[in-house]
């Protein structure tokens, strides 16, 4: 486990959120199956693209700029329309290391910073006058002092080392210009990205990127979990998962579903994707979980109690 991951999880545990049984919704669930996944009532019908854990609980983002919060009485909408109020879709989210600020990005250059302790929203949209789509975001550091990394659909990585303040943004094109689909960091300025050209890149300074794979993958890459320079997990099309152990890429084939997100820690993890598919990694093997939904799942939150996955049609399932 990386130092940054350990620090963030310790903060969330200290607040009583990550393991908070009191946060369980009282809303009746639609169905439960033998794997323990429950279909939970959702306040929206649009796609939910990402989910994160904060000191105030779990938050999900999605279509039309919606932001949902998980409360004791179930999921509720806390923001509609995104950071600009224009209803731009939100595709990616991340949280500061102290769990107090939720950052999210999306279409038309949308970037928002939401304070989960006060409800205040800061709009950082269109940095450098860029209004292309942003697919994902990673933030490191504490609230108000974050390094912000934004994955662009045009193949550019945008970054600010001063909490997204105007005039502090810069960008770099790590690869061929293919869309950058996912980004994750394991330290303040160290992390990984995957792009639409079947490539994985690593940075050690937050601004320059080196390609570390992946030859002959033959599938698109959708998700990345960056836990260290020698511990990287990538999920992709055709049910494929790849693990970089510092020496080689180790593939695993789970089936046919495109896997959109992945979270692994100390060798155990979850990956989710098309058709409601969830795969659980234990004892070195990926095994399927049955779920109560056939909707395409877009993101999974593993470092929480309960574990949560979200996706198309406003789907929320919990375990």
C-alpha atoms as a PDB file:
ATOM      1  CA  UNK A   1       0.000   0.000   0.000  1.00  0.00           C
ATOM      2  CA  UNK A   2       1.330   3.438  -0.843  1.00  0.00           C
ATOM      3  CA  UNK A   3       2.085   6.038   1.816  1.00  0.00           C
ATOM      4  CA  UNK A   4      -0.550   8.354   0.356  1.00  0.00           C
ATOM      5  CA  UNK A   5      -3.253   5.660   0.313  1.00  0.00           C
ATOM      6  CA  UNK A   6      -2.491   4.728   3.916  1.00  0.00           C
ATOM      7  CA  UNK A   7      -2.646   8.370   5.029  1.00  0.00           C
ATOM      8  CA  UNK A   8      -5.963   9.060   3.305  1.00  0.00           C
ATOM      9  CA  UNK A   9      -7.617   5.927   4.634  1.00  0.00           C
ATOM     10  CA  UNK A  10      -6.384   6.644   8.152  1.00  0.00           C
ATOM     11  CA  UNK A  11      -7.951  10.099   8.006  1.00  0.00           C
ATOM     12  CA  UNK A  12     -11.295   8.695   6.849  1.00  0.00           C
ATOM     13  CA  UNK A  13     -11.265   6.009   9.535  1.00  0.00           C
ATOM     14  CA  UNK A  14     -10.503   8.610  12.171  1.00  0.00           C
ATOM     15  CA  UNK A  15     -13.605  10.551  11.185  1.00  0.00           C
ATOM     16  CA  UNK A  16     -15.751   7.442  11.555  1.00  0.00           C
ATOM     17  CA  UNK A  17     -16.861   7.500   7.904  1.00  0.00           C
ATOM     18  CA  UNK A  18     -15.042   4.673   6.198  1.00  0.00           C
ATOM     19  CA  UNK A  19     -16.339   2.144   8.691  1.00  0.00           C
ATOM     20  CA  UNK A  20     -19.465   3.986   9.798  1.00  0.00           C
ATOM     21  CA  UNK A  21     -22.333   1.528  10.154  1.00  0.00           C
ATOM     22  CA  UNK A  22     -24.590   4.486  10.958  1.00  0.00           C
ATOM     23  CA  UNK A  23     -24.258   5.631   7.351  1.00  0.00           C
ATOM     24  CA  UNK A  24     -26.277   2.670   6.084  1.00  0.00           C
ATOM     25  CA  UNK A  25     -29.342   3.920   4.188  1.00  0.00           C
ATOM     26  CA  UNK A  26     -32.731   3.210   5.682  1.00  0.00           C
ATOM     27  CA  UNK A  27     -34.309   3.227   2.211  1.00  0.00           C
ATOM     28  CA  UNK A  28     -35.645  -0.213   1.276  1.00  0.00           C
ATOM     29  CA  UNK A  29     -33.554  -2.021  -1.312  1.00  0.00           C
ATOM     30  CA  UNK A  30     -34.948  -3.499  -4.472  1.00  0.00           C
ATOM     31  CA  UNK A  31     -33.158  -6.834  -4.321  1.00  0.00           C
ATOM     32  CA  UNK A  32     -30.259  -8.733  -2.819  1.00  0.00           C
ATOM     33  CA  UNK A  33     -28.444 -11.822  -4.088  1.00  0.00           C
ATOM     34  CA  UNK A  34     -26.239 -14.549  -2.702  1.00  0.00           C
ATOM     35  CA  UNK A  35     -23.057 -12.526  -3.245  1.00  0.00           C
ATOM     36  CA  UNK A  36     -24.399  -9.842  -0.936  1.00  0.00           C
ATOM     37  CA  UNK A  37     -24.832  -7.055  -3.489  1.00  0.00           C
ATOM     38  CA  UNK A  38     -27.976  -4.982  -2.944  1.00  0.00           C
ATOM     39  CA  UNK A  39     -29.764  -2.779  -5.482  1.00  0.00           C
ATOM     40  CA  UNK A  40     -30.284   0.564  -3.706  1.00  0.00           C
ATOM     41  CA  UNK A  41     -32.868   3.210  -4.574  1.00  0.00           C
ATOM     42  CA  UNK A  42     -31.351   6.057  -6.614  1.00  0.00           C
ATOM     43  CA  UNK A  43     -32.699   9.623  -6.903  1.00  0.00           C
ATOM     44  CA  UNK A  44     -31.621   9.900 -10.549  1.00  0.00           C
ATOM     45  CA  UNK A  45     -32.073   7.993 -13.790  1.00  0.00           C
ATOM     46  CA  UNK A  46     -28.995   9.226 -15.628  1.00  0.00           C
ATOM     47  CA  UNK A  47     -25.626   7.481 -15.713  1.00  0.00           C
ATOM     48  CA  UNK A  48     -23.382   7.763 -12.666  1.00  0.00           C
ATOM     49  CA  UNK A  49     -19.757   7.744 -13.782  1.00  0.00           C
ATOM     50  CA  UNK A  50     -17.664   7.896 -10.616  1.00  0.00           C
ATOM     51  CA  UNK A  51     -17.817   7.530  -6.842  1.00  0.00           C
ATOM     52  CA  UNK A  52     -15.515   8.632  -4.016  1.00  0.00           C
ATOM     53  CA  UNK A  53     -15.292   8.420  -0.219  1.00  0.00           C
ATOM     54  CA  UNK A  54     -15.042  11.653   1.813  1.00  0.00           C
ATOM     55  CA  UNK A  55     -15.166  12.565   5.490  1.00  0.00           C
ATOM     56  CA  UNK A  56     -18.898  13.187   5.003  1.00  0.00           C
ATOM     57  CA  UNK A  57     -19.521   9.831   3.339  1.00  0.00           C
ATOM     58  CA  UNK A  58     -19.698   8.566  -0.231  1.00  0.00           C
ATOM     59  CA  UNK A  59     -20.417  10.877  -3.176  1.00  0.00           C
ATOM     60  CA  UNK A  60     -21.253   9.954  -6.788  1.00  0.00           C
ATOM     61  CA  UNK A  61     -21.199  12.142  -9.919  1.00  0.00           C
ATOM     62  CA  UNK A  62     -22.861  11.747 -13.297  1.00  0.00           C
ATOM     63  CA  UNK A  63     -25.100  12.935 -16.107  1.00  0.00           C
ATOM     64  CA  UNK A  64     -26.292  16.556 -16.211  1.00  0.00           C
ATOM     65  CA  UNK A  65     -23.755  17.586 -13.581  1.00  0.00           C
ATOM     66  CA  UNK A  66     -25.445  15.721 -10.754  1.00  0.00           C
ATOM     67  CA  UNK A  67     -23.644  15.093  -7.455  1.00  0.00           C
ATOM     68  CA  UNK A  68     -25.193  12.598  -5.016  1.00  0.00           C
ATOM     69  CA  UNK A  69     -24.445  12.116  -1.321  1.00  0.00           C
ATOM     70  CA  UNK A  70     -25.010   8.933   0.667  1.00  0.00           C
ATOM     71  CA  UNK A  71     -26.828   9.749   3.909  1.00  0.00           C
ATOM     72  CA  UNK A  72     -28.411   7.831   6.776  1.00  0.00           C
ATOM     73  CA  UNK A  73     -31.735   8.051   4.930  1.00  0.00           C
ATOM     74  CA  UNK A  74     -30.360   7.002   1.563  1.00  0.00           C
ATOM     75  CA  UNK A  75     -28.882   8.755  -1.451  1.00  0.00           C
ATOM     76  CA  UNK A  76     -29.815  12.383  -2.089  1.00  0.00           C
ATOM     77  CA  UNK A  77     -28.964  14.985  -4.706  1.00  0.00           C
ATOM     78  CA  UNK A  78     -26.750  17.801  -3.398  1.00  0.00           C
ATOM     79  CA  UNK A  79     -25.809  19.423  -6.704  1.00  0.00           C
ATOM     80  CA  UNK A  80     -27.495  19.633 -10.083  1.00  0.00           C
ATOM     81  CA  UNK A  81     -26.011  21.214 -13.198  1.00  0.00           C
ATOM     82  CA  UNK A  82     -22.335  20.802 -12.358  1.00  0.00           C
ATOM     83  CA  UNK A  83     -19.906  23.557 -11.334  1.00  0.00           C
ATOM     84  CA  UNK A  84     -21.131  25.988 -13.994  1.00  0.00           C
ATOM     85  CA  UNK A  85     -24.840  25.203 -13.682  1.00  0.00           C
ATOM     86  CA  UNK A  86     -24.976  24.365 -17.397  1.00  0.00           C
ATOM     87  CA  UNK A  87     -25.765  20.694 -16.867  1.00  0.00           C
ATOM     88  CA  UNK A  88     -22.523  19.353 -18.276  1.00  0.00           C
ATOM     89  CA  UNK A  89     -21.940  15.656 -17.575  1.00  0.00           C
ATOM     90  CA  UNK A  90     -19.437  14.785 -14.860  1.00  0.00           C
ATOM     91  CA  UNK A  91     -17.180  11.850 -15.770  1.00  0.00           C
ATOM     92  CA  UNK A  92     -14.551  11.683 -13.022  1.00  0.00           C
ATOM     93  CA  UNK A  93     -14.024  12.533  -9.356  1.00  0.00           C
ATOM     94  CA  UNK A  94     -11.395  12.384  -6.633  1.00  0.00           C
ATOM     95  CA  UNK A  95     -11.008  13.585  -3.053  1.00  0.00           C
ATOM     96  CA  UNK A  96      -8.246  15.412  -1.203  1.00  0.00           C
ATOM     97  CA  UNK A  97      -6.088  13.427   1.194  1.00  0.00           C
ATOM     98  CA  UNK A  98      -7.954  14.777   4.224  1.00  0.00           C
ATOM     99  CA  UNK A  99     -11.298  13.811   2.655  1.00  0.00           C
ATOM    100  CA  UNK A 100     -12.749  17.339   2.862  1.00  0.00           C
ATOM    101  CA  UNK A 101     -12.875  18.429  -0.787  1.00  0.00           C
ATOM    102  CA  UNK A 102     -14.476  16.519  -3.639  1.00  0.00           C
ATOM    103  CA  UNK A 103     -13.120  17.442  -7.071  1.00  0.00           C
ATOM    104  CA  UNK A 104     -14.980  16.495 -10.253  1.00  0.00           C
ATOM    105  CA  UNK A 105     -14.536  17.030 -13.990  1.00  0.00           C
ATOM    106  CA  UNK A 106     -16.594  16.524 -17.122  1.00  0.00           C
ATOM    107  CA  UNK A 107     -17.746  17.792 -20.477  1.00  0.00           C
ATOM    108  CA  UNK A 108     -17.075  21.257 -21.897  1.00  0.00           C
ATOM    109  CA  UNK A 109     -14.100  21.849 -19.597  1.00  0.00           C
ATOM    110  CA  UNK A 110     -16.045  21.404 -16.353  1.00  0.00           C
ATOM    111  CA  UNK A 111     -13.980  21.347 -13.142  1.00  0.00           C
ATOM    112  CA  UNK A 112     -15.516  21.727  -9.688  1.00  0.00           C
ATOM    113  CA  UNK A 113     -14.246  21.683  -6.107  1.00  0.00           C
ATOM    114  CA  UNK A 114     -16.943  20.893  -3.535  1.00  0.00           C
ATOM    115  CA  UNK A 115     -16.355  21.343   0.198  1.00  0.00           C
ATOM    116  CA  UNK A 116     -18.232  18.462   1.825  1.00  0.00           C
ATOM    117  CA  UNK A 117     -17.960  20.105   5.262  1.00  0.00           C
ATOM    118  CA  UNK A 118     -19.615  23.423   4.280  1.00  0.00           C
ATOM    119  CA  UNK A 119     -21.390  22.744   0.967  1.00  0.00           C
ATOM    120  CA  UNK A 120     -19.416  25.492  -0.792  1.00  0.00           C
ATOM    121  CA  UNK A 121     -18.664  24.994  -4.486  1.00  0.00           C
ATOM    122  CA  UNK A 122     -15.704  26.489  -6.370  1.00  0.00           C
ATOM    123  CA  UNK A 123     -15.789  26.578 -10.154  1.00  0.00           C
ATOM    124  CA  UNK A 124     -12.416  25.976 -11.836  1.00  0.00           C
ATOM    125  CA  UNK A 125     -13.872  25.240 -15.277  1.00  0.00           C
ATOM    126  CA  UNK A 126     -12.163  25.949 -18.607  1.00  0.00           C
ATOM    127  CA  UNK A 127      -8.563  26.302 -17.388  1.00  0.00           C
ATOM    128  CA  UNK A 128      -6.440  28.048 -20.007  1.00  0.00           C
ATOM    129  CA  UNK A 129      -9.786  28.601 -21.845  1.00  0.00           C
ATOM    130  CA  UNK A 130      -9.967  24.861 -22.601  1.00  0.00           C
ATOM    131  CA  UNK A 131     -13.542  23.637 -23.114  1.00  0.00           C
ATOM    132  CA  UNK A 132     -12.893  20.107 -24.361  1.00  0.00           C
ATOM    133  CA  UNK A 133     -14.146  17.107 -22.397  1.00  0.00           C
ATOM    134  CA  UNK A 134     -12.318  15.993 -19.259  1.00  0.00           C
ATOM    135  CA  UNK A 135     -12.530  12.260 -18.497  1.00  0.00           C
ATOM    136  CA  UNK A 136     -10.997  11.915 -15.055  1.00  0.00           C
ATOM    137  CA  UNK A 137      -9.245  13.770 -12.238  1.00  0.00           C
ATOM    138  CA  UNK A 138      -6.736  12.983  -9.490  1.00  0.00           C
ATOM    139  CA  UNK A 139      -5.922  15.261  -6.562  1.00  0.00           C
ATOM    140  CA  UNK A 140      -3.173  14.949  -3.957  1.00  0.00           C
ATOM    141  CA  UNK A 141      -2.590  16.963  -0.813  1.00  0.00           C
ATOM    142  CA  UNK A 142      -5.056  18.524   1.603  1.00  0.00           C
ATOM    143  CA  UNK A 143      -8.040  20.806   1.077  1.00  0.00           C
ATOM    144  CA  UNK A 144      -7.068  24.183  -0.330  1.00  0.00           C
ATOM    145  CA  UNK A 145      -3.510  23.041  -1.093  1.00  0.00           C
ATOM    146  CA  UNK A 146      -4.081  20.297  -3.641  1.00  0.00           C
ATOM    147  CA  UNK A 147      -2.179  19.257  -6.712  1.00  0.00           C
ATOM    148  CA  UNK A 148      -4.814  18.735  -9.402  1.00  0.00           C
ATOM    149  CA  UNK A 149      -4.386  16.461 -12.453  1.00  0.00           C
ATOM    150  CA  UNK A 150      -7.046  16.410 -15.168  1.00  0.00           C
ATOM    151  CA  UNK A 151      -7.220  13.836 -17.983  1.00  0.00           C
ATOM    152  CA  UNK A 152      -8.257  15.373 -21.290  1.00  0.00           C
ATOM    153  CA  UNK A 153     -10.202  13.765 -24.105  1.00  0.00           C
ATOM    154  CA  UNK A 154      -7.778  15.439 -26.515  1.00  0.00           C
ATOM    155  CA  UNK A 155      -4.820  13.478 -25.115  1.00  0.00           C
ATOM    156  CA  UNK A 156      -3.521  16.249 -22.841  1.00  0.00           C
ATOM    157  CA  UNK A 157      -2.893  16.126 -19.105  1.00  0.00           C
ATOM    158  CA  UNK A 158      -3.727  19.426 -17.417  1.00  0.00           C
ATOM    159  CA  UNK A 159      -2.224  20.122 -14.013  1.00  0.00           C
ATOM    160  CA  UNK A 160      -2.053  22.759 -11.297  1.00  0.00           C
ATOM    161  CA  UNK A 161       0.191  22.592  -8.245  1.00  0.00           C
ATOM    162  CA  UNK A 162      -1.735  25.454  -6.583  1.00  0.00           C
ATOM    163  CA  UNK A 163      -5.239  24.077  -6.013  1.00  0.00           C
ATOM    164  CA  UNK A 164      -6.463  24.936  -9.503  1.00  0.00           C
ATOM    165  CA  UNK A 165      -6.011  28.673  -9.113  1.00  0.00           C
ATOM    166  CA  UNK A 166      -6.290  30.730 -12.301  1.00  0.00           C
ATOM    167  CA  UNK A 167      -2.970  31.219 -14.111  1.00  0.00           C
ATOM    168  CA  UNK A 168      -1.420  28.178 -12.375  1.00  0.00           C
ATOM    169  CA  UNK A 169      -2.463  25.602 -14.976  1.00  0.00           C
ATOM    170  CA  UNK A 170      -0.175  23.950 -17.502  1.00  0.00           C
ATOM    171  CA  UNK A 171      -0.480  20.916 -19.760  1.00  0.00           C
ATOM    172  CA  UNK A 172       1.501  18.181 -21.466  1.00  0.00           C
ATOM    173  CA  UNK A 173       0.670  15.596 -24.152  1.00  0.00           C
ATOM    174  CA  UNK A 174       2.137  12.302 -22.848  1.00  0.00           C
ATOM    175  CA  UNK A 175       1.379  10.140 -25.880  1.00  0.00           C
ATOM    176  CA  UNK A 176       0.003  10.255 -29.400  1.00  0.00           C
ATOM    177  CA  UNK A 177      -2.938  12.522 -28.644  1.00  0.00           C
ATOM    178  CA  UNK A 178      -5.397   9.714 -27.936  1.00  0.00           C
ATOM    179  CA  UNK A 179      -7.932  10.394 -25.186  1.00  0.00           C
ATOM    180  CA  UNK A 180      -6.652   9.884 -21.659  1.00  0.00           C
ATOM    181  CA  UNK A 181      -9.292   7.703 -20.050  1.00  0.00           C
ATOM    182  CA  UNK A 182      -8.164   7.468 -16.436  1.00  0.00           C
ATOM    183  CA  UNK A 183      -5.628   8.892 -13.985  1.00  0.00           C
ATOM    184  CA  UNK A 184      -4.590   7.876 -10.470  1.00  0.00           C
ATOM    185  CA  UNK A 185      -1.764   9.020  -8.172  1.00  0.00           C
ATOM    186  CA  UNK A 186      -0.034   7.162  -5.334  1.00  0.00           C
ATOM    187  CA  UNK A 187       1.980  10.143  -4.062  1.00  0.00           C
ATOM    188  CA  UNK A 188       1.874  13.939  -4.364  1.00  0.00           C
ATOM    189  CA  UNK A 189       3.415  13.998  -7.850  1.00  0.00           C
ATOM    190  CA  UNK A 190       3.726  10.310  -8.709  1.00  0.00           C
ATOM    191  CA  UNK A 191       1.070   8.400 -10.596  1.00  0.00           C
ATOM    192  CA  UNK A 192      -0.187   6.697 -13.748  1.00  0.00           C
ATOM    193  CA  UNK A 193      -2.548   7.279 -16.661  1.00  0.00           C
ATOM    194  CA  UNK A 194      -4.027   5.112 -19.408  1.00  0.00           C
ATOM    195  CA  UNK A 195      -5.039   6.353 -22.846  1.00  0.00           C
ATOM    196  CA  UNK A 196      -7.051   5.272 -25.875  1.00  0.00           C
ATOM    197  CA  UNK A 197      -3.941   4.061 -27.676  1.00  0.00           C
ATOM    198  CA  UNK A 198      -3.524   1.087 -25.311  1.00  0.00           C
ATOM    199  CA  UNK A 199      -0.723   2.882 -23.460  1.00  0.00           C
ATOM    200  CA  UNK A 200       0.193   3.308 -19.794  1.00  0.00           C
ATOM    201  CA  UNK A 201       2.329   6.233 -18.611  1.00  0.00           C
ATOM    202  CA  UNK A 202       4.092   6.973 -15.317  1.00  0.00           C
ATOM    203  CA  UNK A 203       5.144  10.306 -13.820  1.00  0.00           C
ATOM    204  CA  UNK A 204       7.447  11.041 -10.897  1.00  0.00           C
ATOM    205  CA  UNK A 205       7.121  14.825 -10.959  1.00  0.00           C
ATOM    206  CA  UNK A 206       3.506  15.395 -12.021  1.00  0.00           C
ATOM    207  CA  UNK A 207       4.434  17.011 -15.321  1.00  0.00           C
ATOM    208  CA  UNK A 208       6.590  14.650 -17.398  1.00  0.00           C
ATOM    209  CA  UNK A 209       5.380  11.207 -18.393  1.00  0.00           C
ATOM    210  CA  UNK A 210       7.178   8.028 -19.495  1.00  0.00           C
ATOM    211  CA  UNK A 211       5.478   5.138 -21.268  1.00  0.00           C
ATOM    212  CA  UNK A 212       5.727   1.835 -19.391  1.00  0.00           C
ATOM    213  CA  UNK A 213       3.390  -0.322 -21.500  1.00  0.00           C
ATOM    214  CA  UNK A 214       1.521  -2.065 -22.772  1.00  0.00           C
ATOM    215  CA  UNK A 215       2.673  -4.001 -25.843  1.00  0.00           C
ATOM    216  CA  UNK A 216       0.255  -6.349 -27.624  1.00  0.00           C
ATOM    217  CA  UNK A 217      -2.646  -5.747 -25.232  1.00  0.00           C
ATOM    218  CA  UNK A 218      -5.204  -5.744 -28.088  1.00  0.00           C
ATOM    219  CA  UNK A 219      -7.902  -4.152 -25.877  1.00  0.00           C
ATOM    220  CA  UNK A 220      -8.811  -0.623 -24.842  1.00  0.00           C
ATOM    221  CA  UNK A 221      -7.871   0.582 -21.343  1.00  0.00           C
ATOM    222  CA  UNK A 222     -10.561   2.178 -19.179  1.00  0.00           C
ATOM    223  CA  UNK A 223      -9.430   2.148 -15.541  1.00  0.00           C
ATOM    224  CA  UNK A 224      -6.196   2.447 -13.566  1.00  0.00           C
ATOM    225  CA  UNK A 225      -5.318   1.948  -9.896  1.00  0.00           C
ATOM    226  CA  UNK A 226      -1.896   3.398  -9.105  1.00  0.00           C
ATOM    227  CA  UNK A 227      -0.551   2.035  -5.813  1.00  0.00           C
ATOM    228  CA  UNK A 228       3.183   2.456  -6.429  1.00  0.00           C
ATOM    229  CA  UNK A 229       5.863   2.559  -9.098  1.00  0.00           C
ATOM    230  CA  UNK A 230       5.872  -1.245  -9.047  1.00  0.00           C
ATOM    231  CA  UNK A 231       2.177  -1.833  -8.291  1.00  0.00           C
ATOM    232  CA  UNK A 232      -0.236  -0.716 -11.014  1.00  0.00           C
ATOM    233  CA  UNK A 233      -3.561  -2.263 -12.038  1.00  0.00           C
ATOM    234  CA  UNK A 234      -5.283  -1.586 -15.369  1.00  0.00           C
ATOM    235  CA  UNK A 235      -8.768  -2.697 -16.425  1.00  0.00           C
ATOM    236  CA  UNK A 236      -9.892  -2.828 -20.033  1.00  0.00           C
ATOM    237  CA  UNK A 237     -11.964  -4.315 -22.786  1.00  0.00           C
ATOM    238  CA  UNK A 238     -12.654  -8.010 -23.247  1.00  0.00           C
ATOM    239  CA  UNK A 239     -12.640  -8.604 -19.501  1.00  0.00           C
ATOM    240  CA  UNK A 240      -8.897  -8.030 -19.270  1.00  0.00           C
ATOM    241  CA  UNK A 241      -6.970  -6.922 -16.186  1.00  0.00           C
ATOM    242  CA  UNK A 242      -3.235  -6.178 -16.234  1.00  0.00           C
ATOM    243  CA  UNK A 243      -0.892  -5.855 -13.253  1.00  0.00           C
ATOM    244  CA  UNK A 244       2.524  -4.153 -13.407  1.00  0.00           C
ATOM    245  CA  UNK A 245       4.782  -5.588 -10.695  1.00  0.00           C
ATOM    246  CA  UNK A 246       7.821  -3.478 -11.521  1.00  0.00           C
ATOM    247  CA  UNK A 247       9.281  -6.089 -13.839  1.00  0.00           C
ATOM    248  CA  UNK A 248       6.524  -7.294 -16.142  1.00  0.00           C
ATOM    249  CA  UNK A 249       2.844  -6.959 -17.003  1.00  0.00           C
ATOM    250  CA  UNK A 250       0.773  -9.892 -15.769  1.00  0.00           C
ATOM    251  CA  UNK A 251      -2.559 -10.352 -17.610  1.00  0.00           C
ATOM    252  CA  UNK A 252      -5.766 -11.889 -16.283  1.00  0.00           C
ATOM    253  CA  UNK A 253      -8.866 -12.677 -18.326  1.00  0.00           C
ATOM    254  CA  UNK A 254     -12.178 -12.422 -16.455  1.00  0.00           C
ATOM    255  CA  UNK A 255     -14.505 -12.914 -19.420  1.00  0.00           C
ATOM    256  CA  UNK A 256     -16.094 -10.692 -22.054  1.00  0.00           C
ATOM    257  CA  UNK A 257     -17.298  -7.588 -20.206  1.00  0.00           C
ATOM    258  CA  UNK A 258     -15.467  -4.310 -20.694  1.00  0.00           C
ATOM    259  CA  UNK A 259     -14.095  -3.420 -17.252  1.00  0.00           C
ATOM    260  CA  UNK A 260     -14.463   0.299 -16.546  1.00  0.00           C
ATOM    261  CA  UNK A 261     -12.930   0.657 -13.096  1.00  0.00           C
ATOM    262  CA  UNK A 262     -10.629  -1.211 -10.747  1.00  0.00           C
ATOM    263  CA  UNK A 263      -9.485  -0.931  -7.127  1.00  0.00           C
ATOM    264  CA  UNK A 264      -6.894  -3.269  -5.617  1.00  0.00           C
ATOM    265  CA  UNK A 265      -5.065  -3.118  -2.304  1.00  0.00           C
ATOM    266  CA  UNK A 266      -2.591  -5.679  -0.971  1.00  0.00           C
ATOM    267  CA  UNK A 267      -3.580  -8.084  -3.739  1.00  0.00           C
ATOM    268  CA  UNK A 268      -7.324  -7.990  -3.025  1.00  0.00           C
ATOM    269  CA  UNK A 269      -9.726  -5.897  -5.062  1.00  0.00           C
ATOM    270  CA  UNK A 270     -12.763  -5.294  -7.217  1.00  0.00           C
ATOM    271  CA  UNK A 271     -13.295  -4.499 -10.873  1.00  0.00           C
ATOM    272  CA  UNK A 272     -16.626  -3.633 -12.515  1.00  0.00           C
ATOM    273  CA  UNK A 273     -17.991  -3.237 -16.020  1.00  0.00           C
ATOM    274  CA  UNK A 274     -20.597  -4.018 -18.639  1.00  0.00           C
ATOM    275  CA  UNK A 275     -23.788  -5.939 -17.929  1.00  0.00           C
ATOM    276  CA  UNK A 276     -23.613  -5.434 -14.176  1.00  0.00           C
ATOM    277  CA  UNK A 277     -20.454  -7.512 -13.921  1.00  0.00           C
ATOM    278  CA  UNK A 278     -18.402  -7.395 -10.722  1.00  0.00           C
ATOM    279  CA  UNK A 279     -15.232  -9.418 -10.183  1.00  0.00           C
ATOM    280  CA  UNK A 280     -13.666  -9.926  -6.770  1.00  0.00           C
ATOM    281  CA  UNK A 281      -9.968 -10.717  -6.385  1.00  0.00           C
ATOM    282  CA  UNK A 282      -9.053 -12.989  -3.500  1.00  0.00           C
ATOM    283  CA  UNK A 283      -6.164 -15.434  -3.072  1.00  0.00           C
ATOM    284  CA  UNK A 284      -4.620 -14.262  -6.328  1.00  0.00           C
ATOM    285  CA  UNK A 285      -7.646 -14.966  -8.548  1.00  0.00           C
ATOM    286  CA  UNK A 286     -10.472 -12.909 -10.030  1.00  0.00           C
ATOM    287  CA  UNK A 287     -13.873 -14.478  -9.399  1.00  0.00           C
ATOM    288  CA  UNK A 288     -17.316 -13.248 -10.538  1.00  0.00           C
ATOM    289  CA  UNK A 289     -19.883 -11.906  -8.094  1.00  0.00           C
ATOM    290  CA  UNK A 290     -23.555 -12.129  -8.995  1.00  0.00           C
ATOM    291  CA  UNK A 291     -25.297  -8.760  -8.846  1.00  0.00           C
ATOM    292  CA  UNK A 292     -28.951  -7.640  -8.940  1.00  0.00           C
ATOM    293  CA  UNK A 293     -28.446  -5.465 -12.027  1.00  0.00           C
ATOM    294  CA  UNK A 294     -27.738  -5.863 -15.716  1.00  0.00           C
ATOM    295  CA  UNK A 295     -26.844  -2.201 -16.150  1.00  0.00           C
ATOM    296  CA  UNK A 296     -23.333  -1.228 -17.226  1.00  0.00           C
ATOM    297  CA  UNK A 297     -21.264  -0.341 -14.166  1.00  0.00           C
ATOM    298  CA  UNK A 298     -18.857   2.590 -14.444  1.00  0.00           C
ATOM    299  CA  UNK A 299     -17.074   2.862 -11.089  1.00  0.00           C
ATOM    300  CA  UNK A 300     -16.467   1.041  -7.824  1.00  0.00           C
ATOM    301  CA  UNK A 301     -15.620   2.181  -4.303  1.00  0.00           C
ATOM    302  CA  UNK A 302     -13.858  -0.523  -2.329  1.00  0.00           C
ATOM    303  CA  UNK A 303     -12.286   1.377   0.599  1.00  0.00           C
ATOM    304  CA  UNK A 304     -15.605   1.916   2.326  1.00  0.00           C
ATOM    305  CA  UNK A 305     -18.245   0.083   4.291  1.00  0.00           C
ATOM    306  CA  UNK A 306     -20.323  -0.822   2.391  1.00  0.00           C
ATOM    307  CA  UNK A 307     -18.551  -1.289  -0.912  1.00  0.00           C
ATOM    308  CA  UNK A 308     -20.427   0.550  -3.678  1.00  0.00           C
ATOM    309  CA  UNK A 309     -20.641   0.405  -7.481  1.00  0.00           C
ATOM    310  CA  UNK A 310     -22.487   2.860  -9.739  1.00  0.00           C
ATOM    311  CA  UNK A 311     -23.427   2.972 -13.406  1.00  0.00           C
ATOM    312  CA  UNK A 312     -26.001   3.459 -16.141  1.00  0.00           C
ATOM    313  CA  UNK A 313     -29.621   4.283 -15.371  1.00  0.00           C
ATOM    314  CA  UNK A 314     -28.649   5.802 -12.004  1.00  0.00           C
ATOM    315  CA  UNK A 315     -27.690   2.334 -10.781  1.00  0.00           C
ATOM    316  CA  UNK A 316     -26.292   2.057  -7.268  1.00  0.00           C
ATOM    317  CA  UNK A 317     -25.441  -1.322  -5.771  1.00  0.00           C
ATOM    318  CA  UNK A 318     -23.899  -1.895  -2.351  1.00  0.00           C
ATOM    319  CA  UNK A 319     -22.177  -4.792  -0.641  1.00  0.00           C
END
